[in-house]
Amino acid sequence: MKKSLFIITIMFVFALSVVGCATKGDLAKVQSDEMMTRSKADQAAQDAQAAKAAADAATLKAEDAAKRAEDAVRKAEEREKIAEEKAKAAEEATQLANQKARKADDVFQQSMRK
């Protein structure tokens, strides 16, 4: 009886050890899963690096556009100032011409009275 119980116990322990061990197929599957995970991580890192480069390029373009917009505003303000000065000069010239015309008209009227 002890002998048969001992044999059954040994068979049970052997069965558990065989079932509990990983096979070459299991190890190969784990390695392939690990390689797949690494390749996905590498791809994600490359995508992140490309996205960062694109974001940096977009930032540079935005800064350049902002600078050009500031320059355009500054130039527009300068042109507006020049236009105001020209309009003021033209109005002064018009007033001067009107004064001269009045003086000429007065002189003409005086000459007609004589």
PDB file of N, CA and C in Angstrom:
ATOM      1  N   MET A   1       0.815  -1.178   0.000  1.00  0.00           N
ATOM      2  CA  MET A   1       0.000   0.000   0.000  1.00  0.00           C
ATOM      3  C   MET A   1       0.865   1.251   0.000  1.00  0.00           C
ATOM      4  N   LYS A   2       1.898   1.199   0.820  1.00  0.00           N
ATOM      5  CA  LYS A   2       2.789   2.343   0.846  1.00  0.00           C
ATOM      6  C   LYS A   2       3.486   2.510  -0.487  1.00  0.00           C
ATOM      7  N   LYS A   3       3.793   1.402  -1.087  1.00  0.00           N
ATOM      8  CA  LYS A   3       4.482   1.444  -2.362  1.00  0.00           C
ATOM      9  C   LYS A   3       3.586   2.063  -3.433  1.00  0.00           C
ATOM     10  N   SER A   4       2.346   1.693  -3.501  1.00  0.00           N
ATOM     11  CA  SER A   4       1.431   2.233  -4.507  1.00  0.00           C
ATOM     12  C   SER A   4       1.135   3.709  -4.233  1.00  0.00           C
ATOM     13  N   LEU A   5       1.021   4.080  -2.972  1.00  0.00           N
ATOM     14  CA  LEU A   5       0.815   5.486  -2.626  1.00  0.00           C
ATOM     15  C   LEU A   5       2.041   6.307  -3.009  1.00  0.00           C
ATOM     16  N   PHE A   6       3.200   5.758  -2.823  1.00  0.00           N
ATOM     17  CA  PHE A   6       4.444   6.426  -3.190  1.00  0.00           C
ATOM     18  C   PHE A   6       4.534   6.606  -4.708  1.00  0.00           C
ATOM     19  N   ILE A   7       4.166   5.598  -5.462  1.00  0.00           N
ATOM     20  CA  ILE A   7       4.200   5.664  -6.928  1.00  0.00           C
ATOM     21  C   ILE A   7       3.185   6.689  -7.424  1.00  0.00           C
ATOM     22  N   ILE A   8       2.002   6.705  -6.831  1.00  0.00           N
ATOM     23  CA  ILE A   8       0.972   7.668  -7.240  1.00  0.00           C
ATOM     24  C   ILE A   8       1.446   9.093  -6.935  1.00  0.00           C
ATOM     25  N   THR A   9       2.077   9.284  -5.798  1.00  0.00           N
ATOM     26  CA  THR A   9       2.584  10.605  -5.423  1.00  0.00           C
ATOM     27  C   THR A   9       3.673  11.051  -6.385  1.00  0.00           C
ATOM     28  N   ILE A  10       4.574  10.150  -6.743  1.00  0.00           N
ATOM     29  CA  ILE A  10       5.644  10.485  -7.688  1.00  0.00           C
ATOM     30  C   ILE A  10       5.057  10.820  -9.048  1.00  0.00           C
ATOM     31  N   MET A  11       4.073  10.079  -9.507  1.00  0.00           N
ATOM     32  CA  MET A  11       3.431  10.362 -10.802  1.00  0.00           C
ATOM     33  C   MET A  11       2.724  11.722 -10.758  1.00  0.00           C
ATOM     34  N   PHE A  12       2.092  12.017  -9.640  1.00  0.00           N
ATOM     35  CA  PHE A  12       1.399  13.294  -9.489  1.00  0.00           C
ATOM     36  C   PHE A  12       2.401  14.457  -9.520  1.00  0.00           C
ATOM     37  N   VAL A  13       3.519  14.332  -8.824  1.00  0.00           N
ATOM     38  CA  VAL A  13       4.562  15.362  -8.811  1.00  0.00           C
ATOM     39  C   VAL A  13       5.162  15.505 -10.197  1.00  0.00           C
ATOM     40  N   PHE A  14       5.405  14.398 -10.888  1.00  0.00           N
ATOM     41  CA  PHE A  14       5.948  14.445 -12.246  1.00  0.00           C
ATOM     42  C   PHE A  14       4.974  15.141 -13.191  1.00  0.00           C
ATOM     43  N   ALA A  15       3.689  14.841 -13.071  1.00  0.00           N
ATOM     44  CA  ALA A  15       2.676  15.467 -13.926  1.00  0.00           C
ATOM     45  C   ALA A  15       2.626  16.974 -13.679  1.00  0.00           C
ATOM     46  N   LEU A  16       2.697  17.366 -12.419  1.00  0.00           N
ATOM     47  CA  LEU A  16       2.688  18.795 -12.105  1.00  0.00           C
ATOM     48  C   LEU A  16       3.930  19.496 -12.640  1.00  0.00           C
ATOM     49  N   SER A  17       5.067  18.850 -12.564  1.00  0.00           N
ATOM     50  CA  SER A  17       6.297  19.479 -13.054  1.00  0.00           C
ATOM     51  C   SER A  17       6.283  19.610 -14.567  1.00  0.00           C
ATOM     52  N   VAL A  18       5.716  18.643 -15.269  1.00  0.00           N
ATOM     53  CA  VAL A  18       5.633  18.714 -16.729  1.00  0.00           C
ATOM     54  C   VAL A  18       4.650  19.790 -17.149  1.00  0.00           C
ATOM     55  N   VAL A  19       3.528  19.877 -16.487  1.00  0.00           N
ATOM     56  CA  VAL A  19       2.515  20.872 -16.832  1.00  0.00           C
ATOM     57  C   VAL A  19       3.003  22.269 -16.471  1.00  0.00           C
ATOM     58  N   GLY A  20       3.720  22.417 -15.392  1.00  0.00           N
ATOM     59  CA  GLY A  20       4.170  23.723 -14.926  1.00  0.00           C
ATOM     60  C   GLY A  20       5.329  24.288 -15.712  1.00  0.00           C
ATOM     61  N   CYS A  21       6.054  23.543 -16.478  1.00  0.00           N
ATOM     62  CA  CYS A  21       7.218  24.029 -17.225  1.00  0.00           C
ATOM     63  C   CYS A  21       6.786  24.622 -18.559  1.00  0.00           C
ATOM     64  N   ALA A  22       7.511  25.638 -18.957  1.00  0.00           N
ATOM     65  CA  ALA A  22       7.234  26.260 -20.248  1.00  0.00           C
ATOM     66  C   ALA A  22       7.909  25.448 -21.341  1.00  0.00           C
ATOM     67  N   THR A  23       7.223  25.347 -22.455  1.00  0.00           N
ATOM     68  CA  THR A  23       7.771  24.614 -23.587  1.00  0.00           C
ATOM     69  C   THR A  23       8.511  25.576 -24.501  1.00  0.00           C
ATOM     70  N   LYS A  24       9.216  25.019 -25.462  1.00  0.00           N
ATOM     71  CA  LYS A  24       9.936  25.859 -26.423  1.00  0.00           C
ATOM     72  C   LYS A  24       8.959  26.720 -27.213  1.00  0.00           C
ATOM     73  N   GLY A  25       7.802  26.176 -27.495  1.00  0.00           N
ATOM     74  CA  GLY A  25       6.780  26.941 -28.214  1.00  0.00           C
ATOM     75  C   GLY A  25       6.307  28.132 -27.396  1.00  0.00           C
ATOM     76  N   ASP A  26       6.131  27.917 -26.079  1.00  0.00           N
ATOM     77  CA  ASP A  26       5.726  29.021 -25.209  1.00  0.00           C
ATOM     78  C   ASP A  26       6.801  30.101 -25.169  1.00  0.00           C
ATOM     79  N   LEU A  27       8.051  29.678 -25.055  1.00  0.00           N
ATOM     80  CA  LEU A  27       9.153  30.639 -25.025  1.00  0.00           C
ATOM     81  C   LEU A  27       9.250  31.412 -26.341  1.00  0.00           C
ATOM     82  N   ALA A  28       9.068  30.723 -27.444  1.00  0.00           N
ATOM     83  CA  ALA A  28       9.111  31.383 -28.750  1.00  0.00           C
ATOM     84  C   ALA A  28       7.976  32.403 -28.867  1.00  0.00           C
ATOM     85  N   LYS A  29       6.792  32.044 -28.360  1.00  0.00           N
ATOM     86  CA  LYS A  29       5.651  32.965 -28.406  1.00  0.00           C
ATOM     87  C   LYS A  29       5.932  34.195 -27.553  1.00  0.00           C
ATOM     88  N   VAL A  30       6.496  33.994 -26.370  1.00  0.00           N
ATOM     89  CA  VAL A  30       6.826  35.120 -25.500  1.00  0.00           C
ATOM     90  C   VAL A  30       7.872  36.012 -26.164  1.00  0.00           C
ATOM     91  N   GLN A  31       8.867  35.407 -26.797  1.00  0.00           N
ATOM     92  CA  GLN A  31       9.896  36.194 -27.479  1.00  0.00           C
ATOM     93  C   GLN A  31       9.308  36.976 -28.648  1.00  0.00           C
ATOM     94  N   SER A  32       8.425  36.339 -29.404  1.00  0.00           N
ATOM     95  CA  SER A  32       7.820  37.053 -30.537  1.00  0.00           C
ATOM     96  C   SER A  32       6.931  38.189 -30.035  1.00  0.00           C
ATOM     97  N   ASP A  33       6.212  37.960 -28.928  1.00  0.00           N
ATOM     98  CA  ASP A  33       5.401  39.036 -28.350  1.00  0.00           C
ATOM     99  C   ASP A  33       6.281  40.192 -27.880  1.00  0.00           C
ATOM    100  N   GLU A  34       7.409  39.849 -27.272  1.00  0.00           N
ATOM    101  CA  GLU A  34       8.339  40.875 -26.801  1.00  0.00           C
ATOM    102  C   GLU A  34       8.908  41.664 -27.977  1.00  0.00           C
ATOM    103  N   MET A  35       9.269  40.974 -29.049  1.00  0.00           N
ATOM    104  CA  MET A  35       9.799  41.655 -30.233  1.00  0.00           C
ATOM    105  C   MET A  35       8.736  42.558 -30.848  1.00  0.00           C
ATOM    106  N   MET A  36       7.492  42.080 -30.868  1.00  0.00           N
ATOM    107  CA  MET A  36       6.393  42.877 -31.419  1.00  0.00           C
ATOM    108  C   MET A  36       6.193  44.134 -30.567  1.00  0.00           C
ATOM    109  N   THR A  37       6.238  43.973 -29.262  1.00  0.00           N
ATOM    110  CA  THR A  37       6.073  45.114 -28.361  1.00  0.00           C
ATOM    111  C   THR A  37       7.212  46.110 -28.544  1.00  0.00           C
ATOM    112  N   ARG A  38       8.429  45.608 -28.679  1.00  0.00           N
ATOM    113  CA  ARG A  38       9.574  46.504 -28.893  1.00  0.00           C
ATOM    114  C   ARG A  38       9.452  47.256 -30.215  1.00  0.00           C
ATOM    115  N   SER A  39       9.022  46.549 -31.258  1.00  0.00           N
ATOM    116  CA  SER A  39       8.895  47.222 -32.556  1.00  0.00           C
ATOM    117  C   SER A  39       7.797  48.284 -32.501  1.00  0.00           C
ATOM    118  N   LYS A  40       6.708  47.994 -31.779  1.00  0.00           N
ATOM    119  CA  LYS A  40       5.650  48.999 -31.632  1.00  0.00           C
ATOM    120  C   LYS A  40       6.153  50.196 -30.833  1.00  0.00           C
ATOM    121  N   ALA A  41       6.939  49.929 -29.799  1.00  0.00           N
ATOM    122  CA  ALA A  41       7.496  51.027 -29.003  1.00  0.00           C
ATOM    123  C   ALA A  41       8.460  51.863 -29.839  1.00  0.00           C
ATOM    124  N   ASP A  42       9.282  51.206 -30.651  1.00  0.00           N
ATOM    125  CA  ASP A  42      10.203  51.937 -31.529  1.00  0.00           C
ATOM    126  C   ASP A  42       9.435  52.789 -32.532  1.00  0.00           C
ATOM    127  N   GLN A  43       8.377  52.212 -33.095  1.00  0.00           N
ATOM    128  CA  GLN A  43       7.560  52.956 -34.063  1.00  0.00           C
ATOM    129  C   GLN A  43       6.894  54.150 -33.382  1.00  0.00           C
ATOM    130  N   ALA A  44       6.406  53.946 -32.166  1.00  0.00           N
ATOM    131  CA  ALA A  44       5.781  55.049 -31.432  1.00  0.00           C
ATOM    132  C   ALA A  44       6.801  56.145 -31.137  1.00  0.00           C
ATOM    133  N   ALA A  45       8.028  55.759 -30.801  1.00  0.00           N
ATOM    134  CA  ALA A  45       9.078  56.751 -30.545  1.00  0.00           C
ATOM    135  C   ALA A  45       9.405  57.528 -31.819  1.00  0.00           C
ATOM    136  N   GLN A  46       9.465  56.838 -32.947  1.00  0.00           N
ATOM    137  CA  GLN A  46       9.739  57.512 -34.221  1.00  0.00           C
ATOM    138  C   GLN A  46       8.598  58.459 -34.579  1.00  0.00           C
ATOM    139  N   ASP A  47       7.360  58.003 -34.363  1.00  0.00           N
ATOM    140  CA  ASP A  47       6.210  58.861 -34.640  1.00  0.00           C
ATOM    141  C   ASP A  47       6.223  60.098 -33.748  1.00  0.00           C
ATOM    142  N   ALA A  48       6.579  59.903 -32.484  1.00  0.00           N
ATOM    143  CA  ALA A  48       6.646  61.038 -31.564  1.00  0.00           C
ATOM    144  C   ALA A  48       7.731  62.015 -31.991  1.00  0.00           C
ATOM    145  N   GLN A  49       8.853  61.493 -32.434  1.00  0.00           N
ATOM    146  CA  GLN A  49       9.946  62.356 -32.885  1.00  0.00           C
ATOM    147  C   GLN A  49       9.530  63.126 -34.144  1.00  0.00           C
ATOM    148  N   ALA A  50       8.844  62.451 -35.052  1.00  0.00           N
ATOM    149  CA  ALA A  50       8.369  63.129 -36.261  1.00  0.00           C
ATOM    150  C   ALA A  50       7.338  64.198 -35.908  1.00  0.00           C
ATOM    151  N   ALA A  51       6.462  63.896 -34.959  1.00  0.00           N
ATOM    152  CA  ALA A  51       5.459  64.877 -34.540  1.00  0.00           C
ATOM    153  C   ALA A  51       6.125  66.085 -33.889  1.00  0.00           C
ATOM    154  N   LYS A  52       7.163  65.851 -33.111  1.00  0.00           N
ATOM    155  CA  LYS A  52       7.885  66.956 -32.478  1.00  0.00           C
ATOM    156  C   LYS A  52       8.565  67.816 -33.535  1.00  0.00           C
ATOM    157  N   ALA A  53       9.153  67.175 -34.527  1.00  0.00           N
ATOM    158  CA  ALA A  53       9.800  67.933 -35.601  1.00  0.00           C
ATOM    159  C   ALA A  53       8.772  68.764 -36.364  1.00  0.00           C
ATOM    160  N   ALA A  54       7.611  68.178 -36.628  1.00  0.00           N
ATOM    161  CA  ALA A  54       6.556  68.916 -37.324  1.00  0.00           C
ATOM    162  C   ALA A  54       6.055  70.079 -36.470  1.00  0.00           C
ATOM    163  N   ALA A  55       5.927  69.847 -35.177  1.00  0.00           N
ATOM    164  CA  ALA A  55       5.487  70.920 -34.284  1.00  0.00           C
ATOM    165  C   ALA A  55       6.517  72.041 -34.231  1.00  0.00           C
ATOM    166  N   ASP A  56       7.789  71.685 -34.204  1.00  0.00           N
ATOM    167  CA  ASP A  56       8.847  72.702 -34.206  1.00  0.00           C
ATOM    168  C   ASP A  56       8.812  73.516 -35.498  1.00  0.00           C
ATOM    169  N   ALA A  57       8.619  72.829 -36.618  1.00  0.00           N
ATOM    170  CA  ALA A  57       8.543  73.531 -37.904  1.00  0.00           C
ATOM    171  C   ALA A  57       7.329  74.459 -37.936  1.00  0.00           C
ATOM    172  N   ALA A  58       6.204  73.981 -37.416  1.00  0.00           N
ATOM    173  CA  ALA A  58       4.999  74.811 -37.385  1.00  0.00           C
ATOM    174  C   ALA A  58       5.198  76.027 -36.483  1.00  0.00           C
ATOM    175  N   THR A  59       5.904  75.834 -35.383  1.00  0.00           N
ATOM    176  CA  THR A  59       6.188  76.952 -34.479  1.00  0.00           C
ATOM    177  C   THR A  59       7.047  77.995 -35.179  1.00  0.00           C
ATOM    178  N   LEU A  60       8.061  77.536 -35.900  1.00  0.00           N
ATOM    179  CA  LEU A  60       8.916  78.479 -36.632  1.00  0.00           C
ATOM    180  C   LEU A  60       8.120  79.246 -37.682  1.00  0.00           C
ATOM    181  N   LYS A  61       7.244  78.538 -38.395  1.00  0.00           N
ATOM    182  CA  LYS A  61       6.423  79.204 -39.406  1.00  0.00           C
ATOM    183  C   LYS A  61       5.488  80.221 -38.763  1.00  0.00           C
ATOM    184  N   ALA A  62       4.916  79.860 -37.622  1.00  0.00           N
ATOM    185  CA  ALA A  62       4.010  80.778 -36.932  1.00  0.00           C
ATOM    186  C   ALA A  62       4.754  82.017 -36.446  1.00  0.00           C
ATOM    187  N   GLU A  63       5.951  81.823 -35.912  1.00  0.00           N
ATOM    188  CA  GLU A  63       6.749  82.967 -35.466  1.00  0.00           C
ATOM    189  C   GLU A  63       7.111  83.865 -36.640  1.00  0.00           C
ATOM    190  N   ASP A  64       7.452  83.251 -37.775  1.00  0.00           N
ATOM    191  CA  ASP A  64       7.787  84.026 -38.972  1.00  0.00           C
ATOM    192  C   ASP A  64       6.565  84.807 -39.457  1.00  0.00           C
ATOM    193  N   ALA A  65       5.408  84.154 -39.451  1.00  0.00           N
ATOM    194  CA  ALA A  65       4.181  84.829 -39.881  1.00  0.00           C
ATOM    195  C   ALA A  65       3.839  85.984 -38.939  1.00  0.00           C
ATOM    196  N   ALA A  66       4.041  85.784 -37.651  1.00  0.00           N
ATOM    197  CA  ALA A  66       3.768  86.852 -36.688  1.00  0.00           C
ATOM    198  C   ALA A  66       4.705  88.036 -36.923  1.00  0.00           C
ATOM    199  N   LYS A  67       5.963  87.746 -37.213  1.00  0.00           N
ATOM    200  CA  LYS A  67       6.930  88.818 -37.475  1.00  0.00           C
ATOM    201  C   LYS A  67       6.540  89.586 -38.738  1.00  0.00           C
ATOM    202  N   ARG A  68       6.145  88.837 -39.775  1.00  0.00           N
ATOM    203  CA  ARG A  68       5.735  89.509 -41.013  1.00  0.00           C
ATOM    204  C   ARG A  68       4.491  90.356 -40.777  1.00  0.00           C
ATOM    205  N   ALA A  69       3.565  89.854 -39.962  1.00  0.00           N
ATOM    206  CA  ALA A  69       2.355  90.625 -39.663  1.00  0.00           C
ATOM    207  C   ALA A  69       2.702  91.906 -38.909  1.00  0.00           C
ATOM    208  N   GLU A  70       3.614  91.814 -37.950  1.00  0.00           N
ATOM    209  CA  GLU A  70       4.043  93.011 -37.220  1.00  0.00           C
ATOM    210  C   GLU A  70       4.702  94.016 -38.160  1.00  0.00           C
ATOM    211  N   ASP A  71       5.529  93.522 -39.073  1.00  0.00           N
ATOM    212  CA  ASP A  71       6.171  94.407 -40.047  1.00  0.00           C
ATOM    213  C   ASP A  71       5.128  95.076 -40.941  1.00  0.00           C
ATOM    214  N   ALA A  72       4.129  94.301 -41.352  1.00  0.00           N
ATOM    215  CA  ALA A  72       3.076  94.852 -42.208  1.00  0.00           C
ATOM    216  C   ALA A  72       2.289  95.932 -41.466  1.00  0.00           C
ATOM    217  N   VAL A  73       2.003  95.696 -40.189  1.00  0.00           N
ATOM    218  CA  VAL A  73       1.281  96.698 -39.396  1.00  0.00           C
ATOM    219  C   VAL A  73       2.120  97.968 -39.270  1.00  0.00           C
ATOM    220  N   ARG A  74       3.407  97.793 -38.986  1.00  0.00           N
ATOM    221  CA  ARG A  74       4.300  98.950 -38.849  1.00  0.00           C
ATOM    222  C   ARG A  74       4.357  99.741 -40.157  1.00  0.00           C
ATOM    223  N   LYS A  75       4.488  99.040 -41.283  1.00  0.00           N
ATOM    224  CA  LYS A  75       4.542  99.725 -42.581  1.00  0.00           C
ATOM    225  C   LYS A  75       3.221 100.425 -42.887  1.00  0.00           C
ATOM    226  N   ALA A  76       2.106  99.770 -42.543  1.00  0.00           N
ATOM    227  CA  ALA A  76       0.796 100.389 -42.783  1.00  0.00           C
ATOM    228  C   ALA A  76       0.641 101.660 -41.949  1.00  0.00           C
ATOM    229  N   GLU A  77       1.119 101.620 -40.713  1.00  0.00           N
ATOM    230  CA  GLU A  77       1.051 102.815 -39.870  1.00  0.00           C
ATOM    231  C   GLU A  77       1.919 103.933 -40.444  1.00  0.00           C
ATOM    232  N   GLU A  78       3.097 103.578 -40.954  1.00  0.00           N
ATOM    233  CA  GLU A  78       3.968 104.585 -41.573  1.00  0.00           C
ATOM    234  C   GLU A  78       3.298 105.187 -42.807  1.00  0.00           C
ATOM    235  N   ARG A  79       2.678 104.334 -43.618  1.00  0.00           N
ATOM    236  CA  ARG A  79       1.992 104.829 -44.824  1.00  0.00           C
ATOM    237  C   ARG A  79       0.813 105.721 -44.444  1.00  0.00           C
ATOM    238  N   GLU A  80       0.104 105.330 -43.391  1.00  0.00           N
ATOM    239  CA  GLU A  80      -1.027 106.140 -42.941  1.00  0.00           C
ATOM    240  C   GLU A  80      -0.542 107.521 -42.487  1.00  0.00           C
ATOM    241  N   LYS A  81       0.569 107.550 -41.770  1.00  0.00           N
ATOM    242  CA  LYS A  81       1.128 108.821 -41.304  1.00  0.00           C
ATOM    243  C   LYS A  81       1.535 109.688 -42.489  1.00  0.00           C
ATOM    244  N   ILE A  82       2.186 109.074 -43.474  1.00  0.00           N
ATOM    245  CA  ILE A  82       2.599 109.814 -44.677  1.00  0.00           C
ATOM    246  C   ILE A  82       1.375 110.344 -45.415  1.00  0.00           C
ATOM    247  N   ALA A  83       0.331 109.511 -45.522  1.00  0.00           N
ATOM    248  CA  ALA A  83      -0.890 109.941 -46.212  1.00  0.00           C
ATOM    249  C   ALA A  83      -1.549 111.106 -45.476  1.00  0.00           C
ATOM    250  N   GLU A  84      -1.557 111.051 -44.142  1.00  0.00           N
ATOM    251  CA  GLU A  84      -2.126 112.157 -43.370  1.00  0.00           C
ATOM    252  C   GLU A  84      -1.325 113.437 -43.588  1.00  0.00           C
ATOM    253  N   GLU A  85       0.005 113.313 -43.615  1.00  0.00           N
ATOM    254  CA  GLU A  85       0.849 114.485 -43.856  1.00  0.00           C
ATOM    255  C   GLU A  85       0.593 115.064 -45.249  1.00  0.00           C
ATOM    256  N   LYS A  86       0.446 114.175 -46.239  1.00  0.00           N
ATOM    257  CA  LYS A  86       0.176 114.648 -47.608  1.00  0.00           C
ATOM    258  C   LYS A  86      -1.195 115.309 -47.686  1.00  0.00           C
ATOM    259  N   ALA A  87      -2.179 114.730 -46.985  1.00  0.00           N
ATOM    260  CA  ALA A  87      -3.520 115.324 -46.997  1.00  0.00           C
ATOM    261  C   ALA A  87      -3.495 116.698 -46.336  1.00  0.00           C
ATOM    262  N   LYS A  88      -2.750 116.814 -45.240  1.00  0.00           N
ATOM    263  CA  LYS A  88      -2.635 118.102 -44.554  1.00  0.00           C
ATOM    264  C   LYS A  88      -1.946 119.121 -45.459  1.00  0.00           C
ATOM    265  N   ALA A  89      -0.885 118.689 -46.135  1.00  0.00           N
ATOM    266  CA  ALA A  89      -0.177 119.587 -47.052  1.00  0.00           C
ATOM    267  C   ALA A  89      -1.085 119.995 -48.208  1.00  0.00           C
ATOM    268  N   ALA A  90      -1.869 119.052 -48.707  1.00  0.00           N
ATOM    269  CA  ALA A  90      -2.781 119.367 -49.813  1.00  0.00           C
ATOM    270  C   ALA A  90      -3.853 120.347 -49.354  1.00  0.00           C
ATOM    271  N   GLU A  91      -4.344 120.174 -48.135  1.00  0.00           N
ATOM    272  CA  GLU A  91      -5.356 121.101 -47.631  1.00  0.00           C
ATOM    273  C   GLU A  91      -4.762 122.496 -47.447  1.00  0.00           C
ATOM    274  N   GLU A  92      -3.538 122.553 -46.939  1.00  0.00           N
ATOM    275  CA  GLU A  92      -2.874 123.850 -46.787  1.00  0.00           C
ATOM    276  C   GLU A  92      -2.659 124.500 -48.150  1.00  0.00           C
ATOM    277  N   ALA A  93      -2.278 123.689 -49.136  1.00  0.00           N
ATOM    278  CA  ALA A  93      -2.084 124.224 -50.488  1.00  0.00           C
ATOM    279  C   ALA A  93      -3.411 124.718 -51.050  1.00  0.00           C
ATOM    280  N   THR A  94      -4.492 123.997 -50.764  1.00  0.00           N
ATOM    281  CA  THR A  94      -5.815 124.416 -51.239  1.00  0.00           C
ATOM    282  C   THR A  94      -6.210 125.732 -50.585  1.00  0.00           C
ATOM    283  N   GLN A  95      -5.972 125.841 -49.278  1.00  0.00           N
ATOM    284  CA  GLN A  95      -6.296 127.088 -48.582  1.00  0.00           C
ATOM    285  C   GLN A  95      -5.468 128.248 -49.137  1.00  0.00           C
ATOM    286  N   LEU A  96      -4.194 127.998 -49.382  1.00  0.00           N
ATOM    287  CA  LEU A  96      -3.324 129.029 -49.951  1.00  0.00           C
ATOM    288  C   LEU A  96      -3.813 129.425 -51.345  1.00  0.00           C
ATOM    289  N   ALA A  97      -4.201 128.427 -52.141  1.00  0.00           N
ATOM    290  CA  ALA A  97      -4.713 128.719 -53.490  1.00  0.00           C
ATOM    291  C   ALA A  97      -6.013 129.507 -53.401  1.00  0.00           C
ATOM    292  N   ASN A  98      -6.869 129.167 -52.448  1.00  0.00           N
ATOM    293  CA  ASN A  98      -8.124 129.915 -52.273  1.00  0.00           C
ATOM    294  C   ASN A  98      -7.837 131.361 -51.864  1.00  0.00           C
ATOM    295  N   GLN A  99      -6.869 131.548 -50.972  1.00  0.00           N
ATOM    296  CA  GLN A  99      -6.505 132.908 -50.560  1.00  0.00           C
ATOM    297  C   GLN A  99      -5.976 133.708 -51.748  1.00  0.00           C
ATOM    298  N   LYS A 100      -5.114 133.071 -52.535  1.00  0.00           N
ATOM    299  CA  LYS A 100      -4.578 133.755 -53.720  1.00  0.00           C
ATOM    300  C   LYS A 100      -5.695 134.071 -54.708  1.00  0.00           C
ATOM    301  N   ALA A 101      -6.636 133.130 -54.845  1.00  0.00           N
ATOM    302  CA  ALA A 101      -7.754 133.367 -55.769  1.00  0.00           C
ATOM    303  C   ALA A 101      -8.604 134.528 -55.273  1.00  0.00           C
ATOM    304  N   ARG A 102      -8.839 134.586 -53.943  1.00  0.00           N
ATOM    305  CA  ARG A 102      -9.607 135.710 -53.400  1.00  0.00           C
ATOM    306  C   ARG A 102      -8.873 137.035 -53.620  1.00  0.00           C
ATOM    307  N   LYS A 103      -7.561 137.013 -53.374  1.00  0.00           N
ATOM    308  CA  LYS A 103      -6.777 138.237 -53.588  1.00  0.00           C
ATOM    309  C   LYS A 103      -6.824 138.648 -55.054  1.00  0.00           C
ATOM    310  N   ALA A 104      -6.693 137.665 -55.935  1.00  0.00           N
ATOM    311  CA  ALA A 104      -6.740 137.967 -57.370  1.00  0.00           C
ATOM    312  C   ALA A 104      -8.117 138.492 -57.745  1.00  0.00           C
ATOM    313  N   ASP A 105      -9.154 137.918 -57.158  1.00  0.00           N
ATOM    314  CA  ASP A 105     -10.510 138.373 -57.434  1.00  0.00           C
ATOM    315  C   ASP A 105     -10.701 139.796 -56.906  1.00  0.00           C
ATOM    316  N   ASP A 106     -10.166 140.051 -55.703  1.00  0.00           N
ATOM    317  CA  ASP A 106     -10.262 141.406 -55.146  1.00  0.00           C
ATOM    318  C   ASP A 106      -9.532 142.414 -56.033  1.00  0.00           C
ATOM    319  N   VAL A 107      -8.347 142.032 -56.488  1.00  0.00           N
ATOM    320  CA  VAL A 107      -7.578 142.921 -57.369  1.00  0.00           C
ATOM    321  C   VAL A 107      -8.355 143.149 -58.668  1.00  0.00           C
ATOM    322  N   PHE A 108      -8.937 142.078 -59.196  1.00  0.00           N
ATOM    323  CA  PHE A 108      -9.721 142.208 -60.423  1.00  0.00           C
ATOM    324  C   PHE A 108     -10.917 143.123 -60.191  1.00  0.00           C
ATOM    325  N   GLN A 109     -11.612 142.923 -59.053  1.00  0.00           N
ATOM    326  CA  GLN A 109     -12.776 143.765 -58.753  1.00  0.00           C
ATOM    327  C   GLN A 109     -12.364 145.236 -58.609  1.00  0.00           C
ATOM    328  N   GLN A 110     -11.226 145.475 -57.962  1.00  0.00           N
ATOM    329  CA  GLN A 110     -10.758 146.856 -57.802  1.00  0.00           C
ATOM    330  C   GLN A 110     -10.375 147.464 -59.149  1.00  0.00           C
ATOM    331  N   SER A 111      -9.766 146.641 -60.009  1.00  0.00           N
ATOM    332  CA  SER A 111      -9.391 147.173 -61.313  1.00  0.00           C
ATOM    333  C   SER A 111     -10.632 147.440 -62.169  1.00  0.00           C
ATOM    334  N   MET A 112     -11.680 146.669 -61.952  1.00  0.00           N
ATOM    335  CA  MET A 112     -12.908 146.886 -62.720  1.00  0.00           C
ATOM    336  C   MET A 112     -13.638 148.143 -62.236  1.00  0.00           C
ATOM    337  N   ARG A 113     -13.461 148.524 -60.996  1.00  0.00           N
ATOM    338  CA  ARG A 113     -14.121 149.699 -60.443  1.00  0.00           C
ATOM    339  C   ARG A 113     -13.452 150.978 -60.949  1.00  0.00           C
ATOM    340  N   LYS A 114     -12.261 150.933 -61.303  1.00  0.00           N
ATOM    341  CA  LYS A 114     -11.543 152.129 -61.728  1.00  0.00           C
ATOM    342  C   LYS A 114     -11.856 152.478 -63.109  1.00  0.00           C
TER     343      LYS A 114
END
